[in-house]
Amino acid sequence: MTAKGAKEDFDFIAGEWDLVNRRRTKILAGASEWDEFAGRLKGQTLLSTTGLLKRR
């Protein structure tokens, strides 16, 4: 267990990830339909895990 707020807390984001994004087809119209589309995320640690860079 790491200390609260440890700089390594988000290291799991580092790497390449395939994702499925979802968004509502009609905003604020009471619709329950979703549009899904594929995406890719590349996360990279910076400054010895002090920073994190996410790219799409």
PDB file of N, CA and C in Angstrom:
ATOM      1  N   MET A   1       0.850  -1.182   0.000  1.00  0.00           N
ATOM      2  CA  MET A   1       0.000   0.000   0.000  1.00  0.00           C
ATOM      3  C   MET A   1       0.890   1.238   0.000  1.00  0.00           C
ATOM      4  N   THR A   2       0.560   2.194  -0.852  1.00  0.00           N
ATOM      5  CA  THR A   2       1.356   3.414  -0.934  1.00  0.00           C
ATOM      6  C   THR A   2       0.721   4.513  -0.098  1.00  0.00           C
ATOM      7  N   ALA A   3       1.512   5.503   0.213  1.00  0.00           N
ATOM      8  CA  ALA A   3       1.019   6.641   0.980  1.00  0.00           C
ATOM      9  C   ALA A   3      -0.009   7.416   0.155  1.00  0.00           C
ATOM     10  N   LYS A   4      -0.919   8.066   0.820  1.00  0.00           N
ATOM     11  CA  LYS A   4      -1.945   8.851   0.130  1.00  0.00           C
ATOM     12  C   LYS A   4      -1.280   9.921  -0.739  1.00  0.00           C
ATOM     13  N   GLY A   5      -1.678   9.962  -2.006  1.00  0.00           N
ATOM     14  CA  GLY A   5      -1.125  10.959  -2.916  1.00  0.00           C
ATOM     15  C   GLY A   5       0.265  10.625  -3.424  1.00  0.00           C
ATOM     16  N   ALA A   6       0.629   9.352  -3.423  1.00  0.00           N
ATOM     17  CA  ALA A   6       1.961   8.974  -3.905  1.00  0.00           C
ATOM     18  C   ALA A   6       2.092   9.295  -5.392  1.00  0.00           C
ATOM     19  N   LYS A   7       3.286   9.673  -5.810  1.00  0.00           N
ATOM     20  CA  LYS A   7       3.483  10.068  -7.208  1.00  0.00           C
ATOM     21  C   LYS A   7       3.307   8.911  -8.177  1.00  0.00           C
ATOM     22  N   GLU A   8       3.331   7.669  -7.711  1.00  0.00           N
ATOM     23  CA  GLU A   8       3.156   6.508  -8.582  1.00  0.00           C
ATOM     24  C   GLU A   8       1.690   6.093  -8.732  1.00  0.00           C
ATOM     25  N   ASP A   9       0.760   6.832  -8.169  1.00  0.00           N
ATOM     26  CA  ASP A   9      -0.659   6.443  -8.178  1.00  0.00           C
ATOM     27  C   ASP A   9      -1.231   6.224  -9.576  1.00  0.00           C
ATOM     28  N   PHE A  10      -0.741   6.912 -10.576  1.00  0.00           N
ATOM     29  CA  PHE A  10      -1.311   6.817 -11.912  1.00  0.00           C
ATOM     30  C   PHE A  10      -0.378   6.135 -12.905  1.00  0.00           C
ATOM     31  N   ASP A  11       0.587   5.376 -12.428  1.00  0.00           N
ATOM     32  CA  ASP A  11       1.500   4.664 -13.320  1.00  0.00           C
ATOM     33  C   ASP A  11       0.782   3.632 -14.181  1.00  0.00           C
ATOM     34  N   PHE A  12      -0.388   3.180 -13.767  1.00  0.00           N
ATOM     35  CA  PHE A  12      -1.125   2.190 -14.551  1.00  0.00           C
ATOM     36  C   PHE A  12      -1.554   2.741 -15.914  1.00  0.00           C
ATOM     37  N   ILE A  13      -1.576   4.058 -16.081  1.00  0.00           N
ATOM     38  CA  ILE A  13      -1.971   4.658 -17.354  1.00  0.00           C
ATOM     39  C   ILE A  13      -0.855   4.527 -18.394  1.00  0.00           C
ATOM     40  N   ALA A  14       0.394   4.412 -17.946  1.00  0.00           N
ATOM     41  CA  ALA A  14       1.521   4.315 -18.875  1.00  0.00           C
ATOM     42  C   ALA A  14       1.373   3.079 -19.749  1.00  0.00           C
ATOM     43  N   GLY A  15       1.555   3.257 -21.041  1.00  0.00           N
ATOM     44  CA  GLY A  15       1.428   2.165 -22.003  1.00  0.00           C
ATOM     45  C   GLY A  15       0.452   2.548 -23.101  1.00  0.00           C
ATOM     46  N   GLU A  16       0.119   1.586 -23.952  1.00  0.00           N
ATOM     47  CA  GLU A  16      -0.826   1.835 -25.042  1.00  0.00           C
ATOM     48  C   GLU A  16      -2.104   1.061 -24.772  1.00  0.00           C
ATOM     49  N   TRP A  17      -3.233   1.731 -24.953  1.00  0.00           N
ATOM     50  CA  TRP A  17      -4.530   1.164 -24.629  1.00  0.00           C
ATOM     51  C   TRP A  17      -5.493   1.336 -25.793  1.00  0.00           C
ATOM     52  N   ASP A  18      -6.264   0.281 -26.077  1.00  0.00           N
ATOM     53  CA  ASP A  18      -7.379   0.377 -27.017  1.00  0.00           C
ATOM     54  C   ASP A  18      -8.622   0.659 -26.200  1.00  0.00           C
ATOM     55  N   LEU A  19      -9.418   1.644 -26.625  1.00  0.00           N
ATOM     56  CA  LEU A  19     -10.608   2.009 -25.872  1.00  0.00           C
ATOM     57  C   LEU A  19     -11.843   2.034 -26.750  1.00  0.00           C
ATOM     58  N   VAL A  20     -12.976   2.048 -26.085  1.00  0.00           N
ATOM     59  CA  VAL A  20     -14.252   2.268 -26.749  1.00  0.00           C
ATOM     60  C   VAL A  20     -14.853   3.507 -26.102  1.00  0.00           C
ATOM     61  N   ASN A  21     -15.000   4.571 -26.884  1.00  0.00           N
ATOM     62  CA  ASN A  21     -15.587   5.814 -26.402  1.00  0.00           C
ATOM     63  C   ASN A  21     -17.089   5.774 -26.634  1.00  0.00           C
ATOM     64  N   ARG A  22     -17.828   6.401 -25.745  1.00  0.00           N
ATOM     65  CA  ARG A  22     -19.277   6.494 -25.919  1.00  0.00           C
ATOM     66  C   ARG A  22     -19.717   7.932 -25.682  1.00  0.00           C
ATOM     67  N   ARG A  23     -20.677   8.369 -26.489  1.00  0.00           N
ATOM     68  CA  ARG A  23     -21.272   9.689 -26.276  1.00  0.00           C
ATOM     69  C   ARG A  23     -22.757   9.613 -26.639  1.00  0.00           C
ATOM     70  N   ARG A  24     -23.541  10.431 -25.999  1.00  0.00           N
ATOM     71  CA  ARG A  24     -24.977  10.466 -26.283  1.00  0.00           C
ATOM     72  C   ARG A  24     -25.208  11.009 -27.682  1.00  0.00           C
ATOM     73  N   THR A  25     -26.185  10.433 -28.386  1.00  0.00           N
ATOM     74  CA  THR A  25     -26.461  10.915 -29.743  1.00  0.00           C
ATOM     75  C   THR A  25     -27.155  12.270 -29.711  1.00  0.00           C
ATOM     76  N   LYS A  26     -27.994  12.506 -28.716  1.00  0.00           N
ATOM     77  CA  LYS A  26     -28.668  13.796 -28.556  1.00  0.00           C
ATOM     78  C   LYS A  26     -28.480  14.260 -27.117  1.00  0.00           C
ATOM     79  N   ILE A  27     -27.865  15.389 -26.964  1.00  0.00           N
ATOM     80  CA  ILE A  27     -27.574  15.924 -25.637  1.00  0.00           C
ATOM     81  C   ILE A  27     -28.814  16.605 -25.065  1.00  0.00           C
ATOM     82  N   LEU A  28     -29.100  16.346 -23.812  1.00  0.00           N
ATOM     83  CA  LEU A  28     -30.197  16.986 -23.070  1.00  0.00           C
ATOM     84  C   LEU A  28     -31.564  16.821 -23.733  1.00  0.00           C
ATOM     85  N   ALA A  29     -31.741  15.774 -24.527  1.00  0.00           N
ATOM     86  CA  ALA A  29     -33.028  15.564 -25.185  1.00  0.00           C
ATOM     87  C   ALA A  29     -33.763  14.365 -24.580  1.00  0.00           C
ATOM     88  N   GLY A  30     -33.234  13.808 -23.494  1.00  0.00           N
ATOM     89  CA  GLY A  30     -33.858  12.655 -22.866  1.00  0.00           C
ATOM     90  C   GLY A  30     -33.631  11.358 -23.623  1.00  0.00           C
ATOM     91  N   ALA A  31     -32.778  11.381 -24.631  1.00  0.00           N
ATOM     92  CA  ALA A  31     -32.502  10.178 -25.415  1.00  0.00           C
ATOM     93  C   ALA A  31     -31.570   9.250 -24.639  1.00  0.00           C
ATOM     94  N   SER A  32     -31.734   7.960 -24.853  1.00  0.00           N
ATOM     95  CA  SER A  32     -30.863   7.002 -24.173  1.00  0.00           C
ATOM     96  C   SER A  32     -29.969   6.269 -25.169  1.00  0.00           C
ATOM     97  N   GLU A  33     -29.860   6.793 -26.376  1.00  0.00           N
ATOM     98  CA  GLU A  33     -29.030   6.176 -27.404  1.00  0.00           C
ATOM     99  C   GLU A  33     -27.602   6.696 -27.316  1.00  0.00           C
ATOM    100  N   TRP A  34     -26.653   5.781 -27.534  1.00  0.00           N
ATOM    101  CA  TRP A  34     -25.235   6.111 -27.461  1.00  0.00           C
ATOM    102  C   TRP A  34     -24.559   5.840 -28.801  1.00  0.00           C
ATOM    103  N   ASP A  35     -23.620   6.662 -29.147  1.00  0.00           N
ATOM    104  CA  ASP A  35     -22.768   6.461 -30.315  1.00  0.00           C
ATOM    105  C   ASP A  35     -21.440   5.926 -29.777  1.00  0.00           C
ATOM    106  N   GLU A  36     -20.972   4.791 -30.279  1.00  0.00           N
ATOM    107  CA  GLU A  36     -19.703   4.213 -29.831  1.00  0.00           C
ATOM    108  C   GLU A  36     -18.681   4.290 -30.955  1.00  0.00           C
ATOM    109  N   PHE A  37     -17.439   4.589 -30.588  1.00  0.00           N
ATOM    110  CA  PHE A  37     -16.369   4.634 -31.572  1.00  0.00           C
ATOM    111  C   PHE A  37     -15.058   4.254 -30.900  1.00  0.00           C
ATOM    112  N   ALA A  38     -14.197   3.624 -31.667  1.00  0.00           N
ATOM    113  CA  ALA A  38     -12.926   3.127 -31.152  1.00  0.00           C
ATOM    114  C   ALA A  38     -11.927   4.260 -30.966  1.00  0.00           C
ATOM    115  N   GLY A  39     -10.983   4.034 -30.076  1.00  0.00           N
ATOM    116  CA  GLY A  39      -9.928   5.006 -29.846  1.00  0.00           C
ATOM    117  C   GLY A  39      -8.678   4.305 -29.345  1.00  0.00           C
ATOM    118  N   ARG A  40      -7.603   5.029 -29.269  1.00  0.00           N
ATOM    119  CA  ARG A  40      -6.333   4.492 -28.772  1.00  0.00           C
ATOM    120  C   ARG A  40      -5.702   5.564 -27.899  1.00  0.00           C
ATOM    121  N   LEU A  41      -5.165   5.151 -26.769  1.00  0.00           N
ATOM    122  CA  LEU A  41      -4.532   6.073 -25.832  1.00  0.00           C
ATOM    123  C   LEU A  41      -3.102   5.630 -25.597  1.00  0.00           C
ATOM    124  N   LYS A  42      -2.192   6.579 -25.598  1.00  0.00           N
ATOM    125  CA  LYS A  42      -0.806   6.294 -25.265  1.00  0.00           C
ATOM    126  C   LYS A  42      -0.443   7.153 -24.067  1.00  0.00           C
ATOM    127  N   GLY A  43      -0.149   6.520 -22.955  1.00  0.00           N
ATOM    128  CA  GLY A  43       0.240   7.235 -21.738  1.00  0.00           C
ATOM    129  C   GLY A  43       1.725   7.044 -21.483  1.00  0.00           C
ATOM    130  N   GLN A  44       2.374   8.082 -21.039  1.00  0.00           N
ATOM    131  CA  GLN A  44       3.819   8.047 -20.865  1.00  0.00           C
ATOM    132  C   GLN A  44       4.182   8.801 -19.589  1.00  0.00           C
ATOM    133  N   THR A  45       5.029   8.222 -18.761  1.00  0.00           N
ATOM    134  CA  THR A  45       5.458   8.915 -17.542  1.00  0.00           C
ATOM    135  C   THR A  45       6.550   9.924 -17.879  1.00  0.00           C
ATOM    136  N   LEU A  46       6.565  11.001 -17.134  1.00  0.00           N
ATOM    137  CA  LEU A  46       7.553  12.058 -17.311  1.00  0.00           C
ATOM    138  C   LEU A  46       8.187  12.391 -15.967  1.00  0.00           C
ATOM    139  N   LEU A  47       9.398  12.827 -15.980  1.00  0.00           N
ATOM    140  CA  LEU A  47      10.086  13.293 -14.776  1.00  0.00           C
ATOM    141  C   LEU A  47      10.045  12.252 -13.656  1.00  0.00           C
ATOM    142  N   SER A  48      10.396  11.030 -13.981  1.00  0.00           N
ATOM    143  CA  SER A  48      10.426   9.932 -12.994  1.00  0.00           C
ATOM    144  C   SER A  48       9.092   9.763 -12.293  1.00  0.00           C
ATOM    145  N   THR A  49       8.018   9.699 -13.054  1.00  0.00           N
ATOM    146  CA  THR A  49       6.630   9.517 -12.624  1.00  0.00           C
ATOM    147  C   THR A  49       6.028  10.722 -11.915  1.00  0.00           C
ATOM    148  N   THR A  50       6.688  11.874 -11.957  1.00  0.00           N
ATOM    149  CA  THR A  50       6.101  13.068 -11.372  1.00  0.00           C
ATOM    150  C   THR A  50       5.025  13.646 -12.284  1.00  0.00           C
ATOM    151  N   GLY A  51       5.147  13.419 -13.581  1.00  0.00           N
ATOM    152  CA  GLY A  51       4.164  13.917 -14.547  1.00  0.00           C
ATOM    153  C   GLY A  51       3.668  12.777 -15.414  1.00  0.00           C
ATOM    154  N   LEU A  52       2.587  13.039 -16.134  1.00  0.00           N
ATOM    155  CA  LEU A  52       2.000  12.034 -17.014  1.00  0.00           C
ATOM    156  C   LEU A  52       1.515  12.717 -18.284  1.00  0.00           C
ATOM    157  N   LEU A  53       1.841  12.140 -19.414  1.00  0.00           N
ATOM    158  CA  LEU A  53       1.428  12.677 -20.718  1.00  0.00           C
ATOM    159  C   LEU A  53       0.499  11.662 -21.361  1.00  0.00           C
ATOM    160  N   LYS A  54      -0.703  12.117 -21.744  1.00  0.00           N
ATOM    161  CA  LYS A  54      -1.651  11.246 -22.442  1.00  0.00           C
ATOM    162  C   LYS A  54      -1.825  11.778 -23.846  1.00  0.00           C
ATOM    163  N   ARG A  55      -1.758  10.884 -24.821  1.00  0.00           N
ATOM    164  CA  ARG A  55      -1.960  11.260 -26.221  1.00  0.00           C
ATOM    165  C   ARG A  55      -3.061  10.388 -26.790  1.00  0.00           C
ATOM    166  N   ARG A  56      -3.798  10.941 -27.726  1.00  0.00           N
ATOM    167  CA  ARG A  56      -4.814  10.157 -28.423  1.00  0.00           C
ATOM    168  C   ARG A  56      -4.347   9.790 -29.785  1.00  0.00           C
TER     169      ARG A  56
END
